[in-house]
Every structure is written in C-alpha cells, then in structure tokens.
PDB file of N, CA and C in Angstrom:
ATOM      1  N   MET A   1     -19.080  -2.790   3.616  1.00  0.00           N
ATOM      2  CA  MET A   1     -18.266  -3.487   4.466  1.00  0.00           C
ATOM      3  C   MET A   1     -17.743  -4.878   3.764  1.00  0.00           C
ATOM      4  N   ILE A   2     -16.556  -5.174   3.826  1.00  0.00           N
ATOM      5  CA  ILE A   2     -15.925  -6.341   3.113  1.00  0.00           C
ATOM      6  C   ILE A   2     -16.163  -7.576   4.094  1.00  0.00           C
ATOM      7  N   ASP A   3     -16.697  -8.540   3.524  1.00  0.00           N
ATOM      8  CA  ASP A   3     -16.790  -9.929   4.262  1.00  0.00           C
ATOM      9  C   ASP A   3     -15.884 -10.930   3.583  1.00  0.00           C
ATOM     10  N   ILE A   4     -15.296 -11.696   4.493  1.00  0.00           N
ATOM     11  CA  ILE A   4     -14.438 -12.766   3.950  1.00  0.00           C
ATOM     12  C   ILE A   4     -15.091 -14.033   4.272  1.00  0.00           C
ATOM     13  N   LYS A   5     -15.309 -14.853   3.427  1.00  0.00           N
ATOM     14  CA  LYS A   5     -15.839 -16.384   3.749  1.00  0.00           C
ATOM     15  C   LYS A   5     -14.787 -17.417   3.150  1.00  0.00           C
ATOM     16  N   PHE A   6     -14.624 -18.523   4.017  1.00  0.00           N
ATOM     17  CA  PHE A   6     -13.890 -19.615   3.573  1.00  0.00           C
ATOM     18  C   PHE A   6     -14.861 -20.616   3.047  1.00  0.00           C
ATOM     19  N   ILE A   7     -14.555 -21.130   1.831  1.00  0.00           N
ATOM     20  CA  ILE A   7     -15.380 -22.113   1.163  1.00  0.00           C
ATOM     21  C   ILE A   7     -14.499 -23.319   0.938  1.00  0.00           C
ATOM     22  N   LYS A   8     -14.580 -24.274   1.774  1.00  0.00           N
ATOM     23  CA  LYS A   8     -13.716 -25.431   1.699  1.00  0.00           C
ATOM     24  C   LYS A   8     -13.986 -26.265   0.509  1.00  0.00           C
ATOM     25  N   SER A   9     -15.386 -26.320   0.170  1.00  0.00           N
ATOM     26  CA  SER A   9     -15.659 -27.292  -0.929  1.00  0.00           C
ATOM     27  C   SER A   9     -15.038 -26.623  -2.398  1.00  0.00           C
ATOM     28  N   GLU A  10     -14.920 -25.477  -2.288  1.00  0.00           N
ATOM     29  CA  GLU A  10     -14.297 -24.720  -3.607  1.00  0.00           C
ATOM     30  C   GLU A  10     -12.904 -24.448  -3.459  1.00  0.00           C
ATOM     31  N   ASN A  11     -12.275 -24.866  -2.225  1.00  0.00           N
ATOM     32  CA  ASN A  11     -10.665 -24.687  -1.998  1.00  0.00           C
ATOM     33  C   ASN A  11     -10.466 -23.235  -2.191  1.00  0.00           C
ATOM     34  N   ARG A  12     -11.056 -22.310  -1.614  1.00  0.00           N
ATOM     35  CA  ARG A  12     -10.756 -20.781  -1.508  1.00  0.00           C
ATOM     36  C   ARG A  12     -11.435 -20.180  -0.462  1.00  0.00           C
ATOM     37  N   ALA A  13     -10.799 -18.960  -0.202  1.00  0.00           N
ATOM     38  CA  ALA A  13     -11.378 -17.837   0.669  1.00  0.00           C
ATOM     39  C   ALA A  13     -11.728 -16.786  -0.364  1.00  0.00           C
ATOM     40  N   VAL A  14     -13.072 -16.213  -0.169  1.00  0.00           N
ATOM     41  CA  VAL A  14     -13.467 -15.158  -1.022  1.00  0.00           C
ATOM     42  C   VAL A  14     -13.853 -13.929  -0.133  1.00  0.00           C
ATOM     43  N   ALA A  15     -13.566 -12.815  -0.835  1.00  0.00           N
ATOM     44  CA  ALA A  15     -13.910 -11.455  -0.353  1.00  0.00           C
ATOM     45  C   ALA A  15     -15.117 -10.922  -1.032  1.00  0.00           C
ATOM     46  N   TYR A  16     -16.138 -10.502  -0.354  1.00  0.00           N
ATOM     47  CA  TYR A  16     -17.353  -9.759  -0.852  1.00  0.00           C
ATOM     48  C   TYR A  16     -17.565  -8.606  -0.464  1.00  0.00           C
ATOM     49  N   ASP A  17     -17.983  -7.574  -1.202  1.00  0.00           N
ATOM     50  CA  ASP A  17     -18.399  -6.318  -1.009  1.00  0.00           C
ATOM     51  C   ASP A  17     -19.873  -6.296  -1.149  1.00  0.00           C
ATOM     52  N   ASN A  18     -20.716  -6.319  -0.220  1.00  0.00           N
ATOM     53  CA  ASN A  18     -22.193  -6.844  -0.011  1.00  0.00           C
ATOM     54  C   ASN A  18     -22.152  -8.226  -0.830  1.00  0.00           C
ATOM     55  N   GLU A  19     -22.779  -8.327  -1.811  1.00  0.00           N
ATOM     56  CA  GLU A  19     -22.879  -9.712  -2.473  1.00  0.00           C
ATOM     57  C   GLU A  19     -21.891  -9.795  -3.756  1.00  0.00           C
ATOM     58  N   MET A  20     -21.053  -8.853  -4.051  1.00  0.00           N
ATOM     59  CA  MET A  20     -20.198  -8.884  -5.017  1.00  0.00           C
ATOM     60  C   MET A  20     -18.952  -9.384  -4.710  1.00  0.00           C
ATOM     61  N   GLU A  21     -18.453 -10.443  -5.435  1.00  0.00           N
ATOM     62  CA  GLU A  21     -17.012 -10.995  -5.188  1.00  0.00           C
ATOM     63  C   GLU A  21     -16.076 -10.110  -5.827  1.00  0.00           C
ATOM     64  N   ILE A  22     -15.210  -9.718  -4.792  1.00  0.00           N
ATOM     65  CA  ILE A  22     -14.134  -8.737  -5.121  1.00  0.00           C
ATOM     66  C   ILE A  22     -12.726  -9.339  -5.105  1.00  0.00           C
ATOM     67  N   GLY A  23     -12.600 -10.577  -4.557  1.00  0.00           N
ATOM     68  CA  GLY A  23     -11.161 -11.056  -4.411  1.00  0.00           C
ATOM     69  C   GLY A  23     -11.316 -12.534  -3.996  1.00  0.00           C
ATOM     70  N   GLU A  24     -10.252 -13.162  -4.101  1.00  0.00           N
ATOM     71  CA  GLU A  24     -10.072 -14.680  -3.750  1.00  0.00           C
ATOM     72  C   GLU A  24      -8.787 -15.142  -3.449  1.00  0.00           C
ATOM     73  N   CYS A  25      -8.583 -16.138  -2.736  1.00  0.00           N
ATOM     74  CA  CYS A  25      -7.318 -16.834  -2.598  1.00  0.00           C
ATOM     75  C   CYS A  25      -7.655 -18.196  -2.726  1.00  0.00           C
ATOM     76  N   GLU A  26      -6.989 -18.891  -3.657  1.00  0.00           N
ATOM     77  CA  GLU A  26      -7.295 -20.339  -4.144  1.00  0.00           C
ATOM     78  C   GLU A  26      -6.129 -21.168  -3.690  1.00  0.00           C
ATOM     79  N   PHE A  27      -6.582 -22.335  -3.289  1.00  0.00           N
ATOM     80  CA  PHE A  27      -5.467 -23.460  -2.798  1.00  0.00           C
ATOM     81  C   PHE A  27      -5.839 -24.608  -3.596  1.00  0.00           C
ATOM     82  N   GLU A  28      -4.854 -25.645  -3.676  1.00  0.00           N
ATOM     83  CA  GLU A  28      -5.058 -27.016  -4.089  1.00  0.00           C
ATOM     84  C   GLU A  28      -4.687 -27.829  -2.935  1.00  0.00           C
ATOM     85  N   GLU A  29      -5.579 -28.967  -2.771  1.00  0.00           N
ATOM     86  CA  GLU A  29      -5.232 -29.922  -1.621  1.00  0.00           C
ATOM     87  C   GLU A  29      -4.381 -30.992  -2.095  1.00  0.00           C
ATOM     88  N   LEU A  30      -3.168 -31.111  -1.479  1.00  0.00           N
ATOM     89  CA  LEU A  30      -2.319 -32.245  -1.823  1.00  0.00           C
ATOM     90  C   LEU A  30      -2.044 -33.012  -0.460  1.00  0.00           C
ATOM     91  N   GLU A  31      -2.777 -34.156  -0.297  1.00  0.00           N
ATOM     92  CA  GLU A  31      -2.918 -35.032   0.786  1.00  0.00           C
ATOM     93  C   GLU A  31      -2.927 -34.175   2.167  1.00  0.00           C
ATOM     94  N   ASP A  32      -1.800 -34.004   2.871  1.00  0.00           N
ATOM     95  CA  ASP A  32      -1.833 -33.269   4.103  1.00  0.00           C
ATOM     96  C   ASP A  32      -1.393 -31.792   3.979  1.00  0.00           C
ATOM     97  N   THR A  33      -1.265 -31.443   2.600  1.00  0.00           N
ATOM     98  CA  THR A  33      -0.949 -30.035   2.417  1.00  0.00           C
ATOM     99  C   THR A  33      -1.788 -29.224   1.634  1.00  0.00           C
ATOM    100  N   TRP A  34      -1.890 -27.992   1.817  1.00  0.00           N
ATOM    101  CA  TRP A  34      -2.702 -27.022   1.009  1.00  0.00           C
ATOM    102  C   TRP A  34      -1.617 -26.145   0.333  1.00  0.00           C
ATOM    103  N   ASN A  35      -1.810 -25.861  -0.946  1.00  0.00           N
ATOM    104  CA  ASN A  35      -0.671 -25.052  -1.804  1.00  0.00           C
ATOM    105  C   ASN A  35      -1.575 -23.899  -2.290  1.00  0.00           C
ATOM    106  N   ILE A  36      -1.404 -22.813  -1.852  1.00  0.00           N
ATOM    107  CA  ILE A  36      -1.928 -21.655  -2.242  1.00  0.00           C
ATOM    108  C   ILE A  36      -1.451 -21.221  -3.635  1.00  0.00           C
ATOM    109  N   ILE A  37      -2.324 -21.204  -4.642  1.00  0.00           N
ATOM    110  CA  ILE A  37      -1.999 -21.079  -6.251  1.00  0.00           C
ATOM    111  C   ILE A  37      -2.422 -19.674  -6.639  1.00  0.00           C
ATOM    112  N   HIS A  38      -3.232 -18.978  -6.005  1.00  0.00           N
ATOM    113  CA  HIS A  38      -3.622 -17.736  -6.709  1.00  0.00           C
ATOM    114  C   HIS A  38      -4.285 -16.841  -5.470  1.00  0.00           C
ATOM    115  N   THR A  39      -3.846 -15.566  -5.502  1.00  0.00           N
ATOM    116  CA  THR A  39      -4.472 -14.590  -4.693  1.00  0.00           C
ATOM    117  C   THR A  39      -4.602 -13.321  -5.624  1.00  0.00           C
ATOM    118  N   GLY A  40      -6.024 -12.923  -5.618  1.00  0.00           N
ATOM    119  CA  GLY A  40      -6.144 -11.675  -6.454  1.00  0.00           C
ATOM    120  C   GLY A  40      -7.371 -10.911  -5.816  1.00  0.00           C
ATOM    121  N   VAL A  41      -7.312  -9.558  -6.022  1.00  0.00           N
ATOM    122  CA  VAL A  41      -8.239  -8.595  -5.483  1.00  0.00           C
ATOM    123  C   VAL A  41      -8.579  -7.509  -6.612  1.00  0.00           C
ATOM    124  N   ASP A  42      -9.812  -7.230  -6.824  1.00  0.00           N
ATOM    125  CA  ASP A  42     -10.322  -6.387  -7.959  1.00  0.00           C
ATOM    126  C   ASP A  42      -9.490  -5.135  -7.730  1.00  0.00           C
ATOM    127  N   SER A  43      -9.157  -4.528  -8.821  1.00  0.00           N
ATOM    128  CA  SER A  43      -8.210  -3.317  -8.836  1.00  0.00           C
ATOM    129  C   SER A  43      -8.920  -2.103  -7.947  1.00  0.00           C
ATOM    130  N   LYS A  44     -10.155  -2.053  -7.973  1.00  0.00           N
ATOM    131  CA  LYS A  44     -10.780  -0.996  -7.345  1.00  0.00           C
ATOM    132  C   LYS A  44     -10.611  -1.016  -5.683  1.00  0.00           C
ATOM    133  N   TYR A  45     -10.169  -2.396  -5.307  1.00  0.00           N
ATOM    134  CA  TYR A  45     -10.262  -2.698  -3.864  1.00  0.00           C
ATOM    135  C   TYR A  45      -8.878  -2.939  -3.515  1.00  0.00           C
ATOM    136  N   GLN A  46      -7.752  -2.723  -4.345  1.00  0.00           N
ATOM    137  CA  GLN A  46      -6.412  -3.002  -3.861  1.00  0.00           C
ATOM    138  C   GLN A  46      -5.806  -1.962  -2.956  1.00  0.00           C
ATOM    139  N   GLY A  47      -4.849  -2.329  -2.154  1.00  0.00           N
ATOM    140  CA  GLY A  47      -4.421  -1.448  -1.183  1.00  0.00           C
ATOM    141  C   GLY A  47      -5.074  -1.339   0.085  1.00  0.00           C
ATOM    142  N   GLN A  48      -6.027  -2.096   0.394  1.00  0.00           N
ATOM    143  CA  GLN A  48      -6.803  -2.085   1.589  1.00  0.00           C
ATOM    144  C   GLN A  48      -6.509  -3.250   2.509  1.00  0.00           C
ATOM    145  N   GLY A  49      -5.514  -4.162   2.166  1.00  0.00           N
ATOM    146  CA  GLY A  49      -5.229  -5.288   3.048  1.00  0.00           C
ATOM    147  C   GLY A  49      -6.099  -6.502   2.814  1.00  0.00           C
ATOM    148  N   ILE A  50      -6.933  -6.502   1.714  1.00  0.00           N
ATOM    149  CA  ILE A  50      -7.867  -7.610   1.460  1.00  0.00           C
ATOM    150  C   ILE A  50      -7.145  -8.852   1.194  1.00  0.00           C
ATOM    151  N   ALA A  51      -6.183  -8.767   0.360  1.00  0.00           N
ATOM    152  CA  ALA A  51      -5.403  -9.875  -0.071  1.00  0.00           C
ATOM    153  C   ALA A  51      -4.724 -10.606   1.061  1.00  0.00           C
ATOM    154  N   LYS A  52      -4.086  -9.735   1.970  1.00  0.00           N
ATOM    155  CA  LYS A  52      -3.504 -10.226   3.093  1.00  0.00           C
ATOM    156  C   LYS A  52      -4.540 -10.983   3.991  1.00  0.00           C
ATOM    157  N   THR A  53      -5.717 -10.439   4.228  1.00  0.00           N
ATOM    158  CA  THR A  53      -6.744 -11.053   5.001  1.00  0.00           C
ATOM    159  C   THR A  53      -7.281 -12.362   4.407  1.00  0.00           C
ATOM    160  N   LEU A  54      -7.372 -12.549   3.075  1.00  0.00           N
ATOM    161  CA  LEU A  54      -7.616 -13.741   2.365  1.00  0.00           C
ATOM    162  C   LEU A  54      -6.657 -14.793   2.680  1.00  0.00           C
ATOM    163  N   VAL A  55      -5.297 -14.481   2.577  1.00  0.00           N
ATOM    164  CA  VAL A  55      -4.401 -15.496   2.731  1.00  0.00           C
ATOM    165  C   VAL A  55      -4.434 -15.797   4.152  1.00  0.00           C
ATOM    166  N   LYS A  56      -4.605 -14.925   5.324  1.00  0.00           N
ATOM    167  CA  LYS A  56      -4.621 -15.199   6.638  1.00  0.00           C
ATOM    168  C   LYS A  56      -5.774 -16.090   6.976  1.00  0.00           C
ATOM    169  N   CYS A  57      -6.957 -16.067   6.145  1.00  0.00           N
ATOM    170  CA  CYS A  57      -8.047 -16.818   6.385  1.00  0.00           C
ATOM    171  C   CYS A  57      -7.727 -18.188   5.900  1.00  0.00           C
ATOM    172  N   VAL A  58      -7.037 -18.371   4.943  1.00  0.00           N
ATOM    173  CA  VAL A  58      -6.593 -19.819   4.573  1.00  0.00           C
ATOM    174  C   VAL A  58      -5.559 -20.365   5.479  1.00  0.00           C
ATOM    175  N   ILE A  59      -4.649 -19.554   6.158  1.00  0.00           N
ATOM    176  CA  ILE A  59      -3.808 -19.897   7.158  1.00  0.00           C
ATOM    177  C   ILE A  59      -4.556 -20.513   8.263  1.00  0.00           C
ATOM    178  N   GLU A  60      -5.519 -19.643   8.734  1.00  0.00           N
ATOM    179  CA  GLU A  60      -6.303 -20.107   9.868  1.00  0.00           C
ATOM    180  C   GLU A  60      -7.167 -21.440   9.764  1.00  0.00           C
ATOM    181  N   ASN A  61      -7.474 -21.518   8.548  1.00  0.00           N
ATOM    182  CA  ASN A  61      -8.275 -22.845   8.144  1.00  0.00           C
ATOM    183  C   ASN A  61      -7.482 -24.022   8.074  1.00  0.00           C
ATOM    184  N   SER A  62      -6.257 -23.843   7.571  1.00  0.00           N
ATOM    185  CA  SER A  62      -5.134 -24.902   7.430  1.00  0.00           C
ATOM    186  C   SER A  62      -4.967 -25.376   8.733  1.00  0.00           C
ATOM    187  N   GLU A  63      -4.766 -24.538   9.706  1.00  0.00           N
ATOM    188  CA  GLU A  63      -4.498 -24.951  11.000  1.00  0.00           C
ATOM    189  C   GLU A  63      -5.682 -25.844  11.763  1.00  0.00           C
ATOM    190  N   LYS A  64      -6.858 -25.300  11.354  1.00  0.00           N
ATOM    191  CA  LYS A  64      -8.183 -25.906  11.869  1.00  0.00           C
ATOM    192  C   LYS A  64      -8.289 -27.256  11.341  1.00  0.00           C
ATOM    193  N   TYR A  65      -7.892 -27.539   9.929  1.00  0.00           N
ATOM    194  CA  TYR A  65      -8.004 -28.747   9.384  1.00  0.00           C
ATOM    195  C   TYR A  65      -6.582 -29.554   9.453  1.00  0.00           C
ATOM    196  N   ASN A  66      -5.663 -29.108  10.209  1.00  0.00           N
ATOM    197  CA  ASN A  66      -4.354 -29.834  10.392  1.00  0.00           C
ATOM    198  C   ASN A  66      -3.623 -30.065   9.045  1.00  0.00           C
ATOM    199  N   LYS A  67      -3.704 -29.071   8.250  1.00  0.00           N
ATOM    200  CA  LYS A  67      -2.903 -29.014   7.005  1.00  0.00           C
ATOM    201  C   LYS A  67      -1.726 -28.311   6.944  1.00  0.00           C
ATOM    202  N   LYS A  68      -0.678 -28.723   6.381  1.00  0.00           N
ATOM    203  CA  LYS A  68       0.589 -27.933   6.211  1.00  0.00           C
ATOM    204  C   LYS A  68       0.247 -26.923   5.132  1.00  0.00           C
ATOM    205  N   LEU A  69       0.967 -25.836   4.988  1.00  0.00           N
ATOM    206  CA  LEU A  69       0.797 -24.917   3.907  1.00  0.00           C
ATOM    207  C   LEU A  69       1.954 -24.399   3.155  1.00  0.00           C
ATOM    208  N   ILE A  70       1.826 -24.477   1.912  1.00  0.00           N
ATOM    209  CA  ILE A  70       2.819 -24.014   0.890  1.00  0.00           C
ATOM    210  C   ILE A  70       2.164 -23.039   0.032  1.00  0.00           C
ATOM    211  N   ALA A  71       3.045 -22.270  -0.801  1.00  0.00           N
ATOM    212  CA  ALA A  71       2.368 -21.276  -1.635  1.00  0.00           C
ATOM    213  C   ALA A  71       3.243 -21.240  -3.025  1.00  0.00           C
ATOM    214  N   ASP A  72       2.641 -21.489  -4.171  1.00  0.00           N
ATOM    215  CA  ASP A  72       3.176 -21.260  -5.442  1.00  0.00           C
ATOM    216  C   ASP A  72       3.021 -19.726  -5.680  1.00  0.00           C
ATOM    217  N   CYS A  73       1.856 -19.278  -5.268  1.00  0.00           N
ATOM    218  CA  CYS A  73       1.500 -17.832  -5.368  1.00  0.00           C
ATOM    219  C   CYS A  73       2.586 -16.952  -4.733  1.00  0.00           C
ATOM    220  N   SER A  74       3.142 -16.089  -5.388  1.00  0.00           N
ATOM    221  CA  SER A  74       4.245 -15.284  -4.922  1.00  0.00           C
ATOM    222  C   SER A  74       3.732 -14.318  -3.761  1.00  0.00           C
ATOM    223  N   TYR A  75       2.644 -13.866  -3.831  1.00  0.00           N
ATOM    224  CA  TYR A  75       2.040 -12.914  -2.891  1.00  0.00           C
ATOM    225  C   TYR A  75       1.971 -13.665  -1.466  1.00  0.00           C
ATOM    226  N   ALA A  76       1.318 -14.689  -1.744  1.00  0.00           N
ATOM    227  CA  ALA A  76       0.940 -15.640  -0.515  1.00  0.00           C
ATOM    228  C   ALA A  76       2.162 -16.260   0.102  1.00  0.00           C
ATOM    229  N   LYS A  77       3.154 -16.487  -0.703  1.00  0.00           N
ATOM    230  CA  LYS A  77       4.425 -16.896  -0.184  1.00  0.00           C
ATOM    231  C   LYS A  77       5.075 -15.897   0.720  1.00  0.00           C
ATOM    232  N   LYS A  78       5.085 -14.574   0.210  1.00  0.00           N
ATOM    233  CA  LYS A  78       5.552 -13.545   1.067  1.00  0.00           C
ATOM    234  C   LYS A  78       4.883 -13.355   2.494  1.00  0.00           C
ATOM    235  N   VAL A  79       3.492 -13.474   2.311  1.00  0.00           N
ATOM    236  CA  VAL A  79       2.766 -13.510   3.659  1.00  0.00           C
ATOM    237  C   VAL A  79       3.126 -14.633   4.665  1.00  0.00           C
ATOM    238  N   LEU A  80       3.206 -15.771   3.961  1.00  0.00           N
ATOM    239  CA  LEU A  80       3.729 -16.964   4.836  1.00  0.00           C
ATOM    240  C   LEU A  80       5.014 -16.847   5.463  1.00  0.00           C
ATOM    241  N   GLU A  81       5.972 -16.248   4.792  1.00  0.00           N
ATOM    242  CA  GLU A  81       7.193 -16.054   5.311  1.00  0.00           C
ATOM    243  C   GLU A  81       7.345 -15.034   6.389  1.00  0.00           C
ATOM    244  N   THR A  82       6.414 -13.953   6.436  1.00  0.00           N
ATOM    245  CA  THR A  82       6.362 -12.942   7.385  1.00  0.00           C
ATOM    246  C   THR A  82       5.436 -13.264   8.708  1.00  0.00           C
ATOM    247  N   ASN A  83       4.716 -14.418   8.509  1.00  0.00           N
ATOM    248  CA  ASN A  83       3.663 -14.804   9.457  1.00  0.00           C
ATOM    249  C   ASN A  83       4.426 -15.899  10.473  1.00  0.00           C
TER     250      ASN A  83
END
C-alpha cells in the first residue's frame, strides 16, 4: 500500500511503499506562496496516479496554511491548471 505524507519542515510531500520512499513533490516557500519545483516517482511505480496524488497533497496543504500556489514543475503546473 502506498502512503502519502506531507512533511512541511522539508517542504515536500512524499510517497512511501512500506518504508521505501518512491516519490516526492518538492516546493519552495516564497512569503505567502509555495512554488512546486519538482515532482518525481520511481519508474517502477509510474502510471499509478502517485505523482498526481503528491501534487494534490501539496494543494490541500497550501489551502490549510493559506498559501498561494504556483509551479515551475511542468507536471505540477498541468495538475494545477486542471484542478
């Protein structure tokens, strides 16, 4: 089972398969805005919607922390535009 954890102190959401890290969505904090700079998933786990779930985790937490959201990461930008 894949677990998604948001780690604010590290500015990222992380996907785990048991205890093995298999993906992440990283952002940088710019005053009142979070900029998603990287989203990646281990090639063995691609095609399962994990990257989208990671980006959605950052989106949910940006709302929780009252932060605007932008994306330099092309994948995350696509998810933001369709959300």
